Protein backbone atom coordinates (compact mmCIF):
# COMPACT_ATOMS: atom_id res chain seq x y z
CA UNK A 1 -30.92 -33.50 -18.23
CA UNK A 2 -32.12 -33.40 -14.58
CA UNK A 3 -28.58 -32.63 -13.33
CA UNK A 4 -25.99 -30.70 -15.26
CA UNK A 5 -22.87 -28.70 -14.47
CA UNK A 6 -23.55 -24.97 -14.81
CA UNK A 7 -20.13 -23.69 -13.79
CA UNK A 8 -16.66 -25.14 -13.70
CA UNK A 9 -13.30 -23.40 -13.52
CA UNK A 10 -9.72 -23.55 -12.32
CA UNK A 11 -7.46 -21.01 -10.66
CA UNK A 12 -3.85 -20.91 -11.77
CA UNK A 13 -0.85 -20.19 -9.58
CA UNK A 14 2.02 -18.29 -11.21
CA UNK A 15 5.67 -18.60 -10.16
CA UNK A 16 8.72 -17.62 -12.20
CA UNK A 17 11.66 -17.18 -9.79
CA UNK A 18 11.35 -19.64 -6.92
CA UNK A 19 12.99 -19.53 -3.49
CA UNK A 20 15.89 -21.68 -4.70
CA UNK A 21 16.79 -19.28 -7.50
CA UNK A 22 15.26 -21.40 -10.28
CA UNK A 23 14.06 -19.12 -13.08
CA UNK A 24 11.38 -20.13 -15.60
CA UNK A 25 12.67 -18.53 -18.77
CA UNK A 26 9.56 -19.46 -20.75
CA UNK A 27 7.48 -17.11 -18.57
CA UNK A 28 10.12 -14.65 -17.42
CA UNK A 29 12.20 -13.98 -20.54
CA UNK A 30 12.32 -10.22 -21.27
CA UNK A 31 9.73 -9.59 -18.55
CA UNK A 32 12.01 -7.22 -16.61
CA UNK A 33 15.23 -5.85 -18.18
CA UNK A 34 18.40 -6.55 -16.19
CA UNK A 35 18.96 -2.88 -15.37
CA UNK A 36 15.49 -2.68 -13.91
CA UNK A 37 16.00 -5.84 -11.86
CA UNK A 38 19.03 -4.15 -10.31
CA UNK A 39 16.99 -1.01 -9.60
CA UNK A 40 14.19 -3.04 -8.03
CA UNK A 41 16.68 -4.87 -5.81
CA UNK A 42 18.26 -1.59 -4.74
CA UNK A 43 14.81 -0.19 -3.97
CA UNK A 44 13.86 -3.14 -1.76
CA UNK A 45 17.10 -2.82 0.21
CA UNK A 46 16.38 0.88 0.73
CA UNK A 47 12.86 0.10 1.95
CA UNK A 48 14.24 -2.64 4.20
CA UNK A 49 16.60 -0.16 5.89
CA UNK A 50 13.70 2.29 6.15
CA UNK A 51 11.77 -0.39 8.06
CA UNK A 52 14.64 -0.90 10.48
CA UNK A 53 14.82 2.82 11.21
CA UNK A 54 11.03 3.10 11.52
CA UNK A 55 11.08 0.35 14.15
CA UNK A 56 13.82 2.15 16.09
CA UNK A 57 11.96 5.48 15.92
CA UNK A 58 8.94 3.88 17.56
CA UNK A 59 10.97 2.08 20.20
CA UNK A 60 12.78 5.30 21.10
CA UNK A 61 9.49 7.19 21.52
CA UNK A 62 9.92 9.34 18.42
CA UNK A 63 6.95 7.80 16.59
CA UNK A 64 3.61 6.45 17.77
CA UNK A 65 3.53 3.07 16.03
CA UNK A 66 4.82 1.47 12.84
CA UNK A 67 3.89 -1.56 10.69
CA UNK A 68 6.93 -3.17 9.13
CA UNK A 69 6.75 -4.04 5.42
CA UNK A 70 9.64 -6.51 5.67
CA UNK A 71 9.01 -9.62 3.58
CA UNK A 72 6.10 -8.19 1.56
CA UNK A 73 7.90 -5.63 -0.58
CA UNK A 74 7.62 -7.54 -3.89
CA UNK A 75 3.82 -7.26 -3.95
CA UNK A 76 3.24 -3.51 -4.09
CA UNK A 77 6.58 -2.87 -5.80
CA UNK A 78 5.85 -5.36 -8.58
CA UNK A 79 2.45 -3.80 -9.13
CA UNK A 80 3.79 -0.23 -9.14
CA UNK A 81 6.48 -1.25 -11.64
CA UNK A 82 3.99 -3.01 -13.93
CA UNK A 83 1.34 -0.28 -14.03
CA UNK A 84 1.26 3.14 -15.68
CA UNK A 85 2.14 6.21 -13.66
CA UNK A 86 -1.41 7.54 -13.92
CA UNK A 87 -3.00 4.31 -12.69
CA UNK A 88 -4.34 4.67 -9.16
CA UNK A 89 -2.55 2.93 -6.29
CA UNK A 90 -5.05 2.52 -3.45
CA UNK A 91 -3.11 1.12 -0.47
CA UNK A 92 -3.87 -0.08 3.01
CA UNK A 93 -0.75 0.41 5.17
CA UNK A 94 1.95 -2.06 4.09
CA UNK A 95 2.72 -0.81 0.58
CA UNK A 96 5.70 1.47 1.21
CA UNK A 97 7.81 -0.08 -1.54
CA UNK A 98 5.23 0.58 -4.26
CA UNK A 99 4.35 4.06 -3.05
CA UNK A 100 8.00 5.12 -2.85
CA UNK A 101 8.71 3.67 -6.29
CA UNK A 102 5.87 5.76 -7.67
CA UNK A 103 7.40 8.91 -6.14
CA UNK A 104 5.86 9.45 -2.70
CA UNK A 105 8.47 11.27 -0.56
CA UNK A 106 9.60 8.80 2.10
CA UNK A 107 9.11 11.23 4.98
CA UNK A 108 5.36 11.29 4.32
CA UNK A 109 4.93 7.78 5.74
CA UNK A 110 6.91 8.72 8.84
CA UNK A 111 4.78 11.83 9.27
CA UNK A 112 1.65 9.71 9.05
CA UNK A 113 2.80 7.41 11.85
CA UNK A 114 4.00 10.40 13.86
CA UNK A 115 0.43 11.69 13.82
CA UNK A 116 1.07 14.58 11.44
CA UNK A 117 -1.79 14.77 8.92
CA UNK A 118 0.52 16.36 6.36
CA UNK A 119 1.79 12.85 5.78
CA UNK A 120 -1.58 12.10 4.18
CA UNK A 121 -1.52 15.08 1.81
CA UNK A 122 -0.44 13.30 -1.36
CA UNK A 123 1.64 15.62 -3.58
CA UNK A 124 -0.03 16.94 -6.72
CA UNK A 125 0.46 14.67 -9.71
CA UNK A 126 0.82 11.37 -7.83
CA UNK A 127 -2.03 8.97 -8.57
CA UNK A 128 -2.34 7.38 -5.15
CA UNK A 129 -4.50 7.67 -2.07
CA UNK A 130 -3.35 8.06 1.56
CA UNK A 131 -2.85 5.03 3.80
CA UNK A 132 -6.14 3.42 4.84
CA UNK A 133 -6.13 2.16 8.42
CA UNK A 134 -9.79 0.97 8.68
CA UNK A 135 -9.81 -2.54 7.24
CA UNK A 136 -11.31 -2.73 3.75
CA UNK A 137 -12.56 0.81 3.19
CA UNK A 138 -10.01 1.55 0.47
CA UNK A 139 -11.51 -1.06 -1.88
CA UNK A 140 -14.66 1.03 -2.19
CA UNK A 141 -12.51 4.05 -3.01
CA UNK A 142 -10.77 2.07 -5.75
CA UNK A 143 -14.10 1.09 -7.32
CA UNK A 144 -15.15 4.75 -7.29
CA UNK A 145 -11.91 5.92 -8.85
CA UNK A 146 -12.16 3.30 -11.58
CA UNK A 147 -15.78 4.22 -12.24
CA UNK A 148 -14.81 7.88 -12.62
CA UNK A 149 -11.98 6.96 -15.01
CA UNK A 150 -14.33 4.86 -17.13
CA UNK A 151 -16.99 7.60 -17.14
CA UNK A 152 -14.45 10.17 -18.31
CA UNK A 153 -13.08 7.89 -21.01
CA UNK A 154 -9.61 7.65 -19.47
CA UNK A 155 -7.32 4.69 -20.08
CA UNK A 156 -6.38 4.22 -16.44
CA UNK A 157 -7.26 1.75 -13.73
CA UNK A 158 -7.24 1.43 -9.96
CA UNK A 159 -5.21 -1.19 -8.11
CA UNK A 160 -6.18 -1.63 -4.48
CA UNK A 161 -4.20 -3.60 -1.89
CA UNK A 162 -5.60 -5.42 1.12
CA UNK A 163 -4.88 -8.39 3.35
CA UNK A 164 -6.48 -11.81 3.55
CA UNK A 165 -8.50 -10.73 6.57
CA UNK A 166 -9.97 -7.77 4.68
CA UNK A 167 -11.48 -10.15 2.13
CA UNK A 168 -13.94 -11.13 4.86
CA UNK A 169 -15.13 -7.55 5.29
CA UNK A 170 -18.42 -6.34 3.81
CA UNK A 171 -16.59 -3.48 2.12
CA UNK A 172 -14.71 -5.97 -0.07
CA UNK A 173 -17.90 -7.67 -1.22
CA UNK A 174 -19.62 -4.37 -1.96
CA UNK A 175 -16.63 -3.08 -3.93
CA UNK A 176 -16.29 -6.37 -5.83
CA UNK A 177 -19.98 -6.40 -6.67
CA UNK A 178 -19.87 -2.84 -8.01
CA UNK A 179 -16.67 -3.44 -9.98
CA UNK A 180 -17.89 -6.62 -11.65
CA UNK A 181 -21.47 -5.56 -12.35
CA UNK A 182 -20.48 -2.14 -13.68
CA UNK A 183 -17.48 -3.45 -15.67
CA UNK A 184 -14.91 -1.32 -13.87
CA UNK A 185 -11.14 -1.41 -14.45
CA UNK A 186 -10.09 -2.49 -10.95
CA UNK A 187 -7.36 -4.86 -9.74
CA UNK A 188 -8.15 -6.35 -6.34
CA UNK A 189 -4.71 -7.25 -5.02
CA UNK A 190 -4.94 -9.44 -1.92
CA UNK A 191 -1.69 -9.79 0.00
CA UNK A 192 -2.29 -13.07 1.80
CA UNK A 193 0.43 -13.10 4.43
CA UNK A 194 -1.22 -15.91 6.36
CA UNK A 195 -2.38 -13.81 9.28
CA UNK A 196 -5.11 -11.26 9.98
CA UNK A 197 -3.17 -9.84 12.94
CA UNK A 198 -3.28 -12.99 15.15
CA UNK A 199 -5.98 -14.91 13.24
CA UNK A 200 -4.59 -17.42 10.71
CA UNK A 201 -6.06 -17.51 7.22
CA UNK A 202 -7.30 -21.08 7.68
CA UNK A 203 -9.63 -19.90 10.46
CA UNK A 204 -11.07 -16.79 8.80
CA UNK A 205 -11.45 -18.43 5.36
CA UNK A 206 -12.36 -22.09 4.82
CA UNK A 207 -11.86 -21.98 1.03
CA UNK A 208 -8.68 -23.53 -0.42
CA UNK A 209 -7.68 -20.15 -1.85
CA UNK A 210 -8.57 -16.54 -1.14
CA UNK A 211 -8.52 -16.00 -4.91
CA UNK A 212 -11.74 -17.91 -5.45
CA UNK A 213 -13.67 -15.26 -3.54
CA UNK A 214 -13.61 -13.22 -6.72
CA UNK A 215 -15.30 -16.00 -8.71
CA UNK A 216 -18.68 -15.25 -7.16
CA UNK A 217 -18.56 -11.84 -8.83
CA UNK A 218 -17.51 -13.11 -12.24
CA UNK A 219 -13.91 -11.89 -12.01
CA UNK A 220 -10.81 -13.43 -13.51
CA UNK A 221 -8.89 -14.84 -10.55
CA UNK A 222 -5.28 -15.89 -10.16
CA UNK A 223 -2.91 -16.83 -7.36
CA UNK A 224 0.73 -15.71 -7.52
CA UNK A 225 3.89 -16.23 -5.52
CA UNK A 226 3.92 -12.82 -3.85
CA UNK A 227 7.64 -13.05 -3.01
CA UNK A 228 8.51 -13.47 -6.69
CA UNK A 229 8.59 -10.02 -8.25
CA UNK A 230 8.76 -11.46 -11.77
CA UNK A 231 5.52 -13.37 -11.26
CA UNK A 232 3.85 -10.34 -9.66
CA UNK A 233 4.78 -8.17 -12.64
CA UNK A 234 3.36 -10.74 -15.06
CA UNK A 235 -0.03 -11.21 -13.37
CA UNK A 236 -0.49 -7.46 -12.82
CA UNK A 237 0.32 -6.72 -16.47
CA UNK A 238 -2.18 -9.39 -17.56
CA UNK A 239 -4.82 -7.89 -15.25
CA UNK A 240 -4.09 -4.39 -16.58
CA UNK A 241 -4.74 -5.57 -20.16
CA UNK A 242 -8.14 -6.95 -19.12
CA UNK A 243 -8.96 -3.73 -17.31
CA UNK A 244 -7.99 -1.42 -20.18
CA UNK A 245 -9.35 -3.47 -23.07
CA UNK A 246 -12.49 -4.93 -21.50
CA UNK A 247 -13.12 -2.84 -18.34
CA UNK A 248 -13.05 -6.03 -16.31
CA UNK A 249 -11.81 -6.42 -12.73
CA UNK A 250 -9.30 -9.08 -11.67
CA UNK A 251 -8.73 -10.67 -8.28
CA UNK A 252 -5.07 -11.42 -7.53
CA UNK A 253 -4.09 -13.42 -4.46
CA UNK A 254 -0.39 -13.01 -3.68
CA UNK A 255 0.89 -15.50 -1.11
CA UNK A 256 3.50 -13.73 1.00
CA UNK A 257 4.52 -13.24 4.63
CA UNK A 258 5.21 -10.40 7.01
CA UNK A 259 8.51 -11.27 8.66
CA UNK A 260 7.94 -8.77 11.47
CA UNK A 261 5.08 -8.20 13.88
CA UNK A 262 1.73 -6.88 12.66
CA UNK A 263 2.79 -3.49 14.05
CA UNK A 264 5.13 -2.35 16.80
CA UNK A 265 2.11 -2.72 19.15
CA UNK A 266 2.04 -6.47 18.45
CA UNK A 267 4.14 -9.44 19.57
CA UNK A 268 3.76 -12.14 16.91
CA UNK A 269 5.79 -14.60 19.00
CA UNK A 270 2.65 -15.15 21.05
CA UNK A 271 0.76 -16.74 18.16
CA UNK A 272 3.24 -17.66 15.38
CA UNK A 273 5.46 -20.71 15.41
CA UNK A 274 9.16 -19.91 15.03
CA UNK A 275 9.59 -22.74 12.50
CA UNK A 276 6.99 -21.09 10.27
CA UNK A 277 8.81 -17.76 10.43
CA UNK A 278 12.16 -19.42 9.67
CA UNK A 279 10.68 -21.20 6.64
CA UNK A 280 9.40 -17.93 5.22
CA UNK A 281 12.72 -16.19 5.83
CA UNK A 282 14.15 -18.54 3.22
CA UNK A 283 11.52 -17.28 0.77
CA UNK A 284 12.42 -13.64 1.33
CA UNK A 285 11.98 -11.65 -1.91
CA UNK A 286 15.19 -9.71 -1.21
CA UNK A 287 17.31 -12.86 -0.88
CA UNK A 288 15.64 -14.31 -3.97
CA UNK A 289 16.51 -11.28 -6.09
CA UNK A 290 20.09 -11.22 -4.81
CA UNK A 291 20.50 -14.88 -5.79
CA UNK A 292 19.19 -14.09 -9.27
CA UNK A 293 21.54 -11.12 -9.70
CA UNK A 294 24.54 -13.07 -8.47
CA UNK A 295 23.82 -15.90 -10.91
CA UNK A 296 23.76 -13.42 -13.80
CA UNK A 297 26.88 -11.57 -12.66
CA UNK A 298 24.93 -8.36 -12.10
CA UNK A 299 25.83 -7.84 -8.43
CA UNK A 300 28.63 -8.43 -5.94
CA UNK A 301 29.58 -7.78 -2.32
CA UNK A 302 31.42 -4.56 -3.13
CA UNK A 303 28.32 -3.03 -4.71
CA UNK A 304 26.27 -4.29 -1.76
CA UNK A 305 28.54 -2.44 0.68
CA UNK A 306 28.29 0.78 -1.33
CA UNK A 307 24.52 0.42 -1.47
CA UNK A 308 24.28 -0.04 2.29
CA UNK A 309 26.23 3.18 2.88
CA UNK A 310 24.08 5.07 0.37
CA UNK A 311 20.85 3.79 1.92
CA UNK A 312 21.98 4.83 5.39
CA UNK A 313 22.61 8.40 4.29
CA UNK A 314 19.31 8.60 2.39
CA UNK A 315 17.27 7.45 5.39
CA UNK A 316 19.12 9.80 7.75
CA UNK A 317 18.02 12.65 5.49
CA UNK A 318 14.44 11.34 5.38
CA UNK A 319 14.19 11.19 9.19
CA UNK A 320 15.68 14.68 9.45
CA UNK A 321 13.03 16.10 7.09
CA UNK A 322 10.24 14.40 9.03
CA UNK A 323 11.42 15.46 12.47
CA UNK A 324 12.39 19.01 11.56
CA UNK A 325 9.25 19.93 9.64
CA UNK A 326 7.82 23.25 10.82
CA UNK A 327 4.84 23.06 13.16
CA UNK A 328 1.43 23.39 11.47
CA UNK A 329 -0.53 26.60 11.92
CA UNK A 330 -4.14 26.90 13.02
CA UNK A 331 -4.94 28.25 9.55
CA UNK A 332 -4.17 24.83 8.10
CA UNK A 333 -7.50 23.54 9.46
CA UNK A 334 -9.23 25.78 6.94
CA UNK A 335 -6.66 25.87 4.16
CA UNK A 336 -6.62 22.07 3.87
CA UNK A 337 -10.42 21.84 3.61
CA UNK A 338 -11.56 24.80 1.52
CA UNK A 339 -10.35 25.71 -1.96
CA UNK A 340 -11.53 29.30 -1.48
CA UNK A 341 -11.76 31.17 1.82
CA UNK A 342 -14.70 33.58 1.82
CA UNK A 343 -14.90 36.49 4.32
CA UNK A 344 -17.00 34.55 6.84
CA UNK A 345 -14.57 31.62 6.83
CA UNK A 346 -11.64 34.02 7.07
CA UNK A 347 -13.14 35.55 10.24
CA UNK A 348 -13.68 32.09 11.72
CA UNK A 349 -10.12 31.11 10.84
CA UNK A 350 -8.59 34.25 12.32
CA UNK A 351 -10.71 34.25 15.48
CA UNK A 352 -10.81 30.44 15.79
CA UNK A 353 -14.45 30.88 16.81
CA UNK A 354 -17.77 30.30 15.02
CA UNK A 355 -20.04 32.15 17.49
CA UNK A 356 -21.19 35.70 16.82
CA UNK A 357 -19.27 36.84 19.91
CA UNK A 358 -16.09 35.25 18.65
CA UNK A 359 -16.46 36.78 15.22
CA UNK A 360 -17.22 40.27 16.60
CA UNK A 361 -15.30 40.81 19.87
CA UNK A 362 -16.65 44.41 20.04
CA UNK A 363 -19.83 42.90 21.49
CA UNK A 364 -17.98 42.16 24.71
CA UNK A 365 -19.15 44.33 27.65
CA UNK A 366 -16.82 47.05 28.81
CA UNK A 367 -14.70 46.34 31.88
CA UNK A 368 -13.67 49.97 32.38
CA UNK A 369 -14.10 50.58 36.13
CA UNK A 370 -12.86 54.21 36.12
CA UNK A 371 -16.38 55.60 36.57
CA UNK A 372 -17.32 53.31 39.44
CA UNK A 373 -18.21 55.00 42.73
């Protein structure tokens, strides 16, 4: 045949709990136990209050800047819930809910935005990387982590998070090419919130979906309602099976929305229509979960009031730990870099000099003027 079709495919969109509270039992039955749904709801409310306090800390001059997570919590949280504790979470900077669920102390994120590098020193035993501010670089790290896991014969994967704008970066294409060609267990989790700072998705990507960008690399691709935590859990679990059983990467596009500004240095009112924001407020993952819990008789206003009081006290304690941390010492420059401090490094650390004069002050000329005539 002179003309024949060499490739044809479809990309599915998964939704289980919609914005009106409709639940697809055929997909969602037994996906998340009721007790865990309650815990996930409580966790999002805690993270939501954390966001409010983070915003106030910046506005009061107690923190440099802060990117709110409000509206996007179901993405990273659903992934963290669905994956194993030793699977790598490789975030950008709007994944607080997932990182906290996995065990990252909440003050670490505040320390990061306060400019304290100790906020990036992930505690031993937590399989996650620090926040990545440069757009797209973390996807390469995820491919490397997955390659190492495969090489060592470990049954673990790497799940990396990024925005729709980052899918236009060269780093994404390099990471995707490595992951697909080397059969690496990576989940590329794109949080398409409609905006790359002030650039709408429709301008920076002409394709109907961001998900299809993974097709060029031979990945399984799926789009999911990113404000539906049930759907997120399902697609991440499916991707994890492919990664563990076949060492194959998956591209997930989660459609979601940041309800706040890009960061506290931004004013989204200058480029976003208020009607658009209002429409997405009705799709809020927190409201959606509350509707589900109410319908099942698992929550009520009294429990909500108790939760609000508990969250307030928890975040007060978090801020106190961040603001009252002891000042770092000069020795930390060395201690955080070198596993072992040899004598030469110890002299540099103690003198804070690398020159021969700094390391041996006895070389300084004498300033004794007693013998002067």
